[in-house]
Amino acid sequence: MIVFQIINVAFEVMRGLIVVRVILSYFRHDPQKPVFRFIYDVTEPILYPVRRMIPLFRSAPVDFSPIFAFFLLYLIEWFIIRVLQLILW
């Protein structure tokens, strides 16, 4: 169904933007440029709550929140698709 494809694409785009943000963190860039601002504005609502849920890793030199967010997005996508399958079938 087209609904499942749209959901899948939306979550894939979000995961892709998180990967791009992680890669950007290794390079010098101007976060005020529109393309970078867009990436930060779209991914921060996902990453910020994950950072708050994992206070243990805040003092770590590496930010693990993208990893957890990545898998959390997979779980949310799976849950949404399963619920929609129950409703639509």
PDB file of N, CA and C in Angstrom:
ATOM      1  N   MET A   1       0.816  -1.182   0.000  1.00  0.00           N
ATOM      2  CA  MET A   1       0.000   0.000   0.000  1.00  0.00           C
ATOM      3  C   MET A   1       0.864   1.251   0.000  1.00  0.00           C
ATOM      4  N   ILE A   2       0.346   2.287  -0.554  1.00  0.00           N
ATOM      5  CA  ILE A   2       1.063   3.549  -0.669  1.00  0.00           C
ATOM      6  C   ILE A   2       1.319   4.183   0.691  1.00  0.00           C
ATOM      7  N   VAL A   3       0.415   3.975   1.652  1.00  0.00           N
ATOM      8  CA  VAL A   3       0.575   4.546   2.993  1.00  0.00           C
ATOM      9  C   VAL A   3       1.832   3.998   3.648  1.00  0.00           C
ATOM     10  N   PHE A   4       2.061   2.707   3.517  1.00  0.00           N
ATOM     11  CA  PHE A   4       3.241   2.085   4.116  1.00  0.00           C
ATOM     12  C   PHE A   4       4.518   2.583   3.450  1.00  0.00           C
ATOM     13  N   GLN A   5       4.467   2.804   2.149  1.00  0.00           N
ATOM     14  CA  GLN A   5       5.632   3.320   1.438  1.00  0.00           C
ATOM     15  C   GLN A   5       5.950   4.744   1.872  1.00  0.00           C
ATOM     16  N   ILE A   6       4.924   5.557   2.058  1.00  0.00           N
ATOM     17  CA  ILE A   6       5.133   6.939   2.505  1.00  0.00           C
ATOM     18  C   ILE A   6       5.748   6.956   3.900  1.00  0.00           C
ATOM     19  N   ILE A   7       5.240   6.113   4.780  1.00  0.00           N
ATOM     20  CA  ILE A   7       5.794   6.030   6.135  1.00  0.00           C
ATOM     21  C   ILE A   7       7.242   5.581   6.079  1.00  0.00           C
ATOM     22  N   ASN A   8       7.516   4.572   5.278  1.00  0.00           N
ATOM     23  CA  ASN A   8       8.878   4.067   5.149  1.00  0.00           C
ATOM     24  C   ASN A   8       9.820   5.139   4.626  1.00  0.00           C
ATOM     25  N   VAL A   9       9.415   5.865   3.607  1.00  0.00           N
ATOM     26  CA  VAL A   9      10.262   6.913   3.033  1.00  0.00           C
ATOM     27  C   VAL A   9      10.501   8.020   4.055  1.00  0.00           C
ATOM     28  N   ALA A  10       9.472   8.404   4.787  1.00  0.00           N
ATOM     29  CA  ALA A  10       9.625   9.465   5.790  1.00  0.00           C
ATOM     30  C   ALA A  10      10.646   9.079   6.851  1.00  0.00           C
ATOM     31  N   PHE A  11      10.567   7.841   7.325  1.00  0.00           N
ATOM     32  CA  PHE A  11      11.519   7.394   8.337  1.00  0.00           C
ATOM     33  C   PHE A  11      12.919   7.219   7.753  1.00  0.00           C
ATOM     34  N   GLU A  12      13.024   6.766   6.524  1.00  0.00           N
ATOM     35  CA  GLU A  12      14.329   6.645   5.875  1.00  0.00           C
ATOM     36  C   GLU A  12      14.992   8.011   5.716  1.00  0.00           C
ATOM     37  N   VAL A  13      14.200   9.008   5.334  1.00  0.00           N
ATOM     38  CA  VAL A  13      14.737  10.369   5.191  1.00  0.00           C
ATOM     39  C   VAL A  13      15.236  10.865   6.544  1.00  0.00           C
ATOM     40  N   MET A  14      14.469  10.647   7.591  1.00  0.00           N
ATOM     41  CA  MET A  14      14.891  11.094   8.919  1.00  0.00           C
ATOM     42  C   MET A  14      16.171  10.397   9.355  1.00  0.00           C
ATOM     43  N   ARG A  15      16.258   9.090   9.136  1.00  0.00           N
ATOM     44  CA  ARG A  15      17.482   8.373   9.494  1.00  0.00           C
ATOM     45  C   ARG A  15      18.659   8.858   8.648  1.00  0.00           C
ATOM     46  N   GLY A  16      18.398   9.143   7.391  1.00  0.00           N
ATOM     47  CA  GLY A  16      19.452   9.673   6.527  1.00  0.00           C
ATOM     48  C   GLY A  16      19.946  11.025   6.999  1.00  0.00           C
ATOM     49  N   LEU A  17      19.034  11.878   7.419  1.00  0.00           N
ATOM     50  CA  LEU A  17      19.426  13.195   7.926  1.00  0.00           C
ATOM     51  C   LEU A  17      20.237  13.072   9.214  1.00  0.00           C
ATOM     52  N   ILE A  18      19.912  12.090  10.043  1.00  0.00           N
ATOM     53  CA  ILE A  18      20.707  11.862  11.254  1.00  0.00           C
ATOM     54  C   ILE A  18      22.114  11.425  10.883  1.00  0.00           C
ATOM     55  N   VAL A  19      22.230  10.554   9.902  1.00  0.00           N
ATOM     56  CA  VAL A  19      23.559  10.118   9.445  1.00  0.00           C
ATOM     57  C   VAL A  19      24.341  11.314   8.893  1.00  0.00           C
ATOM     58  N   VAL A  20      23.692  12.154   8.105  1.00  0.00           N
ATOM     59  CA  VAL A  20      24.355  13.346   7.561  1.00  0.00           C
ATOM     60  C   VAL A  20      24.803  14.251   8.699  1.00  0.00           C
ATOM     61  N   ARG A  21      23.968  14.410   9.706  1.00  0.00           N
ATOM     62  CA  ARG A  21      24.341  15.266  10.843  1.00  0.00           C
ATOM     63  C   ARG A  21      25.552  14.704  11.575  1.00  0.00           C
ATOM     64  N   VAL A  22      25.605  13.399  11.741  1.00  0.00           N
ATOM     65  CA  VAL A  22      26.767  12.780  12.389  1.00  0.00           C
ATOM     66  C   VAL A  22      28.017  13.028  11.561  1.00  0.00           C
ATOM     67  N   ILE A  23      27.919  12.851  10.263  1.00  0.00           N
ATOM     68  CA  ILE A  23      29.074  13.081   9.385  1.00  0.00           C
ATOM     69  C   ILE A  23      29.496  14.546   9.445  1.00  0.00           C
ATOM     70  N   LEU A  24      28.527  15.460   9.451  1.00  0.00           N
ATOM     71  CA  LEU A  24      28.845  16.884   9.527  1.00  0.00           C
ATOM     72  C   LEU A  24      29.586  17.235  10.816  1.00  0.00           C
ATOM     73  N   SER A  25      29.318  16.504  11.876  1.00  0.00           N
ATOM     74  CA  SER A  25      29.962  16.815  13.150  1.00  0.00           C
ATOM     75  C   SER A  25      31.475  16.584  13.097  1.00  0.00           C
ATOM     76  N   TYR A  26      31.943  15.849  12.121  1.00  0.00           N
ATOM     77  CA  TYR A  26      33.371  15.599  11.982  1.00  0.00           C
ATOM     78  C   TYR A  26      34.080  16.647  11.128  1.00  0.00           C
ATOM     79  N   PHE A  27      33.332  17.519  10.490  1.00  0.00           N
ATOM     80  CA  PHE A  27      33.906  18.521   9.602  1.00  0.00           C
ATOM     81  C   PHE A  27      33.525  19.920  10.063  1.00  0.00           C
ATOM     82  N   ARG A  28      34.358  20.844   9.717  1.00  0.00           N
ATOM     83  CA  ARG A  28      34.087  22.239  10.026  1.00  0.00           C
ATOM     84  C   ARG A  28      33.021  22.752   9.058  1.00  0.00           C
ATOM     85  N   HIS A  29      31.980  23.365   9.612  1.00  0.00           N
ATOM     86  CA  HIS A  29      30.911  23.907   8.778  1.00  0.00           C
ATOM     87  C   HIS A  29      30.209  25.036   9.532  1.00  0.00           C
ATOM     88  N   ASP A  30      29.503  25.841   8.793  1.00  0.00           N
ATOM     89  CA  ASP A  30      28.759  26.950   9.380  1.00  0.00           C
ATOM     90  C   ASP A  30      27.329  26.489   9.647  1.00  0.00           C
ATOM     91  N   PRO A  31      26.963  26.257  10.911  1.00  0.00           N
ATOM     92  CA  PRO A  31      25.618  25.747  11.204  1.00  0.00           C
ATOM     93  C   PRO A  31      24.505  26.752  10.913  1.00  0.00           C
ATOM     94  N   GLN A  32      24.853  27.982  10.561  1.00  0.00           N
ATOM     95  CA  GLN A  32      23.831  28.981  10.239  1.00  0.00           C
ATOM     96  C   GLN A  32      23.448  28.987   8.764  1.00  0.00           C
ATOM     97  N   LYS A  33      24.196  28.269   7.935  1.00  0.00           N
ATOM     98  CA  LYS A  33      23.832  28.183   6.520  1.00  0.00           C
ATOM     99  C   LYS A  33      22.513  27.420   6.405  1.00  0.00           C
ATOM    100  N   PRO A  34      21.677  27.788   5.436  1.00  0.00           N
ATOM    101  CA  PRO A  34      20.329  27.202   5.355  1.00  0.00           C
ATOM    102  C   PRO A  34      20.287  25.678   5.309  1.00  0.00           C
ATOM    103  N   VAL A  35      21.158  25.055   4.541  1.00  0.00           N
ATOM    104  CA  VAL A  35      21.099  23.587   4.425  1.00  0.00           C
ATOM    105  C   VAL A  35      21.466  22.929   5.750  1.00  0.00           C
ATOM    106  N   PHE A  36      22.477  23.467   6.442  1.00  0.00           N
ATOM    107  CA  PHE A  36      22.869  22.905   7.725  1.00  0.00           C
ATOM    108  C   PHE A  36      21.821  23.212   8.795  1.00  0.00           C
ATOM    109  N   ARG A  37      21.260  24.409   8.741  1.00  0.00           N
ATOM    110  CA  ARG A  37      20.204  24.802   9.687  1.00  0.00           C
ATOM    111  C   ARG A  37      18.994  23.871   9.537  1.00  0.00           C
ATOM    112  N   PHE A  38      18.654  23.539   8.282  1.00  0.00           N
ATOM    113  CA  PHE A  38      17.546  22.622   8.015  1.00  0.00           C
ATOM    114  C   PHE A  38      17.814  21.260   8.658  1.00  0.00           C
ATOM    115  N   ILE A  39      19.017  20.734   8.451  1.00  0.00           N
ATOM    116  CA  ILE A  39      19.368  19.418   9.000  1.00  0.00           C
ATOM    117  C   ILE A  39      19.280  19.441  10.523  1.00  0.00           C
ATOM    118  N   TYR A  40      19.816  20.481  11.132  1.00  0.00           N
ATOM    119  CA  TYR A  40      19.765  20.581  12.590  1.00  0.00           C
ATOM    120  C   TYR A  40      18.332  20.754  13.090  1.00  0.00           C
ATOM    121  N   ASP A  41      17.555  21.598  12.414  1.00  0.00           N
ATOM    122  CA  ASP A  41      16.175  21.844  12.844  1.00  0.00           C
ATOM    123  C   ASP A  41      15.298  20.603  12.733  1.00  0.00           C
ATOM    124  N   VAL A  42      15.552  19.773  11.740  1.00  0.00           N
ATOM    125  CA  VAL A  42      14.732  18.570  11.546  1.00  0.00           C
ATOM    126  C   VAL A  42      15.152  17.445  12.492  1.00  0.00           C
ATOM    127  N   THR A  43      16.442  17.319  12.753  1.00  0.00           N
ATOM    128  CA  THR A  43      16.917  16.193  13.564  1.00  0.00           C
ATOM    129  C   THR A  43      16.922  16.478  15.064  1.00  0.00           C
ATOM    130  N   GLU A  44      17.012  17.732  15.455  1.00  0.00           N
ATOM    131  CA  GLU A  44      17.096  18.045  16.887  1.00  0.00           C
ATOM    132  C   GLU A  44      15.869  17.604  17.684  1.00  0.00           C
ATOM    133  N   PRO A  45      14.639  17.719  17.152  1.00  0.00           N
ATOM    134  CA  PRO A  45      13.492  17.220  17.933  1.00  0.00           C
ATOM    135  C   PRO A  45      13.544  15.715  18.208  1.00  0.00           C
ATOM    136  N   ILE A  46      14.319  14.988  17.446  1.00  0.00           N
ATOM    137  CA  ILE A  46      14.490  13.552  17.693  1.00  0.00           C
ATOM    138  C   ILE A  46      15.665  13.328  18.647  1.00  0.00           C
ATOM    139  N   LEU A  47      16.768  14.012  18.403  1.00  0.00           N
ATOM    140  CA  LEU A  47      17.989  13.768  19.169  1.00  0.00           C
ATOM    141  C   LEU A  47      17.937  14.335  20.586  1.00  0.00           C
ATOM    142  N   TYR A  48      17.316  15.493  20.772  1.00  0.00           N
ATOM    143  CA  TYR A  48      17.290  16.119  22.094  1.00  0.00           C
ATOM    144  C   TYR A  48      16.604  15.236  23.146  1.00  0.00           C
ATOM    145  N   PRO A  49      15.400  14.714  22.868  1.00  0.00           N
ATOM    146  CA  PRO A  49      14.782  13.841  23.887  1.00  0.00           C
ATOM    147  C   PRO A  49      15.605  12.585  24.167  1.00  0.00           C
ATOM    148  N   VAL A  50      16.264  12.063  23.144  1.00  0.00           N
ATOM    149  CA  VAL A  50      17.099  10.874  23.350  1.00  0.00           C
ATOM    150  C   VAL A  50      18.268  11.224  24.254  1.00  0.00           C
ATOM    151  N   ARG A  51      18.876  12.403  24.038  1.00  0.00           N
ATOM    152  CA  ARG A  51      19.973  12.843  24.914  1.00  0.00           C
ATOM    153  C   ARG A  51      19.499  12.982  26.355  1.00  0.00           C
ATOM    154  N   ARG A  52      18.282  13.459  26.540  1.00  0.00           N
ATOM    155  CA  ARG A  52      17.754  13.638  27.896  1.00  0.00           C
ATOM    156  C   ARG A  52      17.436  12.299  28.554  1.00  0.00           C
ATOM    157  N   MET A  53      17.083  11.290  27.755  1.00  0.00           N
ATOM    158  CA  MET A  53      16.770   9.978  28.315  1.00  0.00           C
ATOM    159  C   MET A  53      18.025   9.213  28.706  1.00  0.00           C
ATOM    160  N   ILE A  54      19.157   9.601  28.168  1.00  0.00           N
ATOM    161  CA  ILE A  54      20.399   8.869  28.405  1.00  0.00           C
ATOM    162  C   ILE A  54      21.397   9.788  29.117  1.00  0.00           C
ATOM    163  N   PRO A  55      21.149  10.158  30.351  1.00  0.00           N
ATOM    164  CA  PRO A  55      22.058  11.085  31.035  1.00  0.00           C
ATOM    165  C   PRO A  55      23.416  10.461  31.334  1.00  0.00           C
ATOM    166  N   LEU A  56      23.476   9.145  31.373  1.00  0.00           N
ATOM    167  CA  LEU A  56      24.730   8.467  31.664  1.00  0.00           C
ATOM    168  C   LEU A  56      25.808   8.800  30.642  1.00  0.00           C
ATOM    169  N   PHE A  57      25.413   8.986  29.382  1.00  0.00           N
ATOM    170  CA  PHE A  57      26.383   9.198  28.315  1.00  0.00           C
ATOM    171  C   PHE A  57      26.693  10.667  28.063  1.00  0.00           C
ATOM    172  N   ARG A  58      26.113  11.580  28.822  1.00  0.00           N
ATOM    173  CA  ARG A  58      26.354  13.001  28.583  1.00  0.00           C
ATOM    174  C   ARG A  58      27.813  13.381  28.785  1.00  0.00           C
ATOM    175  N   SER A  59      28.478  12.738  29.730  1.00  0.00           N
ATOM    176  CA  SER A  59      29.873  13.074  29.999  1.00  0.00           C
ATOM    177  C   SER A  59      30.841  12.333  29.080  1.00  0.00           C
ATOM    178  N   ALA A  60      30.332  11.457  28.255  1.00  0.00           N
ATOM    179  CA  ALA A  60      31.185  10.699  27.336  1.00  0.00           C
ATOM    180  C   ALA A  60      31.687  11.612  26.222  1.00  0.00           C
ATOM    181  N   PRO A  61      32.878  11.341  25.705  1.00  0.00           N
ATOM    182  CA  PRO A  61      33.417  12.192  24.630  1.00  0.00           C
ATOM    183  C   PRO A  61      32.706  11.994  23.288  1.00  0.00           C
ATOM    184  N   VAL A  62      31.918  10.940  23.178  1.00  0.00           N
ATOM    185  CA  VAL A  62      31.201  10.646  21.945  1.00  0.00           C
ATOM    186  C   VAL A  62      29.697  10.739  22.232  1.00  0.00           C
ATOM    187  N   ASP A  63      28.972  11.344  21.309  1.00  0.00           N
ATOM    188  CA  ASP A  63      27.527  11.473  21.458  1.00  0.00           C
ATOM    189  C   ASP A  63      26.857  10.214  20.902  1.00  0.00           C
ATOM    190  N   PHE A  64      26.275   9.421  21.784  1.00  0.00           N
ATOM    191  CA  PHE A  64      25.631   8.179  21.384  1.00  0.00           C
ATOM    192  C   PHE A  64      24.167   8.363  21.011  1.00  0.00           C
ATOM    193  N   SER A  65      23.637   9.559  21.184  1.00  0.00           N
ATOM    194  CA  SER A  65      22.213   9.777  20.924  1.00  0.00           C
ATOM    195  C   SER A  65      21.804   9.470  19.488  1.00  0.00           C
ATOM    196  N   PRO A  66      22.632   9.746  18.459  1.00  0.00           N
ATOM    197  CA  PRO A  66      22.203   9.372  17.102  1.00  0.00           C
ATOM    198  C   PRO A  66      22.017   7.867  16.923  1.00  0.00           C
ATOM    199  N   ILE A  67      22.835   7.086  17.597  1.00  0.00           N
ATOM    200  CA  ILE A  67      22.707   5.629  17.491  1.00  0.00           C
ATOM    201  C   ILE A  67      21.388   5.172  18.092  1.00  0.00           C
ATOM    202  N   PHE A  68      21.094   5.667  19.288  1.00  0.00           N
ATOM    203  CA  PHE A  68      19.841   5.300  19.939  1.00  0.00           C
ATOM    204  C   PHE A  68      18.643   5.837  19.163  1.00  0.00           C
ATOM    205  N   ALA A  69      18.758   7.060  18.651  1.00  0.00           N
ATOM    206  CA  ALA A  69      17.662   7.654  17.881  1.00  0.00           C
ATOM    207  C   ALA A  69      17.407   6.852  16.610  1.00  0.00           C
ATOM    208  N   PHE A  70      18.477   6.404  15.983  1.00  0.00           N
ATOM    209  CA  PHE A  70      18.376   5.620  14.762  1.00  0.00           C
ATOM    210  C   PHE A  70      17.531   4.373  15.004  1.00  0.00           C
ATOM    211  N   PHE A  71      17.843   3.636  16.048  1.00  0.00           N
ATOM    212  CA  PHE A  71      17.104   2.413  16.353  1.00  0.00           C
ATOM    213  C   PHE A  71      15.713   2.704  16.910  1.00  0.00           C
ATOM    214  N   LEU A  72      15.582   3.802  17.633  1.00  0.00           N
ATOM    215  CA  LEU A  72      14.274   4.202  18.121  1.00  0.00           C
ATOM    216  C   LEU A  72      13.341   4.516  16.956  1.00  0.00           C
ATOM    217  N   LEU A  73      13.861   5.147  15.925  1.00  0.00           N
ATOM    218  CA  LEU A  73      13.059   5.427  14.735  1.00  0.00           C
ATOM    219  C   LEU A  73      12.608   4.137  14.056  1.00  0.00           C
ATOM    220  N   TYR A  74      13.492   3.135  14.017  1.00  0.00           N
ATOM    221  CA  TYR A  74      13.097   1.835  13.462  1.00  0.00           C
ATOM    222  C   TYR A  74      11.943   1.231  14.275  1.00  0.00           C
ATOM    223  N   LEU A  75      12.043   1.311  15.592  1.00  0.00           N
ATOM    224  CA  LEU A  75      10.983   0.751  16.434  1.00  0.00           C
ATOM    225  C   LEU A  75       9.669   1.502  16.258  1.00  0.00           C
ATOM    226  N   ILE A  76       9.740   2.809  16.193  1.00  0.00           N
ATOM    227  CA  ILE A  76       8.529   3.606  16.009  1.00  0.00           C
ATOM    228  C   ILE A  76       7.900   3.300  14.657  1.00  0.00           C
ATOM    229  N   GLU A  77       8.730   3.205  13.622  1.00  0.00           N
ATOM    230  CA  GLU A  77       8.214   2.876  12.286  1.00  0.00           C
ATOM    231  C   GLU A  77       7.545   1.503  12.300  1.00  0.00           C
ATOM    232  N   TRP A  78       8.195   0.539  12.904  1.00  0.00           N
ATOM    233  CA  TRP A  78       7.644  -0.815  12.977  1.00  0.00           C
ATOM    234  C   TRP A  78       6.290  -0.791  13.687  1.00  0.00           C
ATOM    235  N   PHE A  79       6.227  -0.073  14.810  1.00  0.00           N
ATOM    236  CA  PHE A  79       4.996  -0.002  15.585  1.00  0.00           C
ATOM    237  C   PHE A  79       3.877   0.655  14.774  1.00  0.00           C
ATOM    238  N   ILE A  80       4.162   1.765  14.121  1.00  0.00           N
ATOM    239  CA  ILE A  80       3.144   2.462  13.322  1.00  0.00           C
ATOM    240  C   ILE A  80       2.626   1.566  12.207  1.00  0.00           C
ATOM    241  N   ILE A  81       3.526   0.882  11.524  1.00  0.00           N
ATOM    242  CA  ILE A  81       3.112   0.004  10.426  1.00  0.00           C
ATOM    243  C   ILE A  81       2.264  -1.155  10.940  1.00  0.00           C
ATOM    244  N   ARG A  82       2.655  -1.731  12.073  1.00  0.00           N
ATOM    245  CA  ARG A  82       1.872  -2.850  12.630  1.00  0.00           C
ATOM    246  C   ARG A  82       0.476  -2.385  13.044  1.00  0.00           C
ATOM    247  N   VAL A  83       0.383  -1.232  13.679  1.00  0.00           N
ATOM    248  CA  VAL A  83      -0.924  -0.719  14.078  1.00  0.00           C
ATOM    249  C   VAL A  83      -1.785  -0.445  12.852  1.00  0.00           C
ATOM    250  N   LEU A  84      -1.198   0.180  11.836  1.00  0.00           N
ATOM    251  CA  LEU A  84      -1.958   0.457  10.618  1.00  0.00           C
ATOM    252  C   LEU A  84      -2.392  -0.831   9.928  1.00  0.00           C
ATOM    253  N   GLN A  85      -1.556  -1.848   9.976  1.00  0.00           N
ATOM    254  CA  GLN A  85      -1.945  -3.130   9.367  1.00  0.00           C
ATOM    255  C   GLN A  85      -3.146  -3.719  10.098  1.00  0.00           C
ATOM    256  N   LEU A  86      -3.147  -3.605  11.419  1.00  0.00           N
ATOM    257  CA  LEU A  86      -4.293  -4.119  12.175  1.00  0.00           C
ATOM    258  C   LEU A  86      -5.559  -3.329  11.872  1.00  0.00           C
ATOM    259  N   ILE A  87      -5.408  -2.040  11.696  1.00  0.00           N
ATOM    260  CA  ILE A  87      -6.574  -1.198  11.422  1.00  0.00           C
ATOM    261  C   ILE A  87      -7.095  -1.409   9.996  1.00  0.00           C
ATOM    262  N   LEU A  88      -6.180  -1.480   9.045  1.00  0.00           N
ATOM    263  CA  LEU A  88      -6.572  -1.518   7.636  1.00  0.00           C
ATOM    264  C   LEU A  88      -6.890  -2.920   7.119  1.00  0.00           C
ATOM    265  N   TRP A  89      -6.478  -3.948   7.820  1.00  0.00           N
ATOM    266  CA  TRP A  89      -6.702  -5.300   7.280  1.00  0.00           C
ATOM    267  C   TRP A  89      -7.882  -5.920   7.906  1.00  0.00           C
TER     268      TRP A  89
END
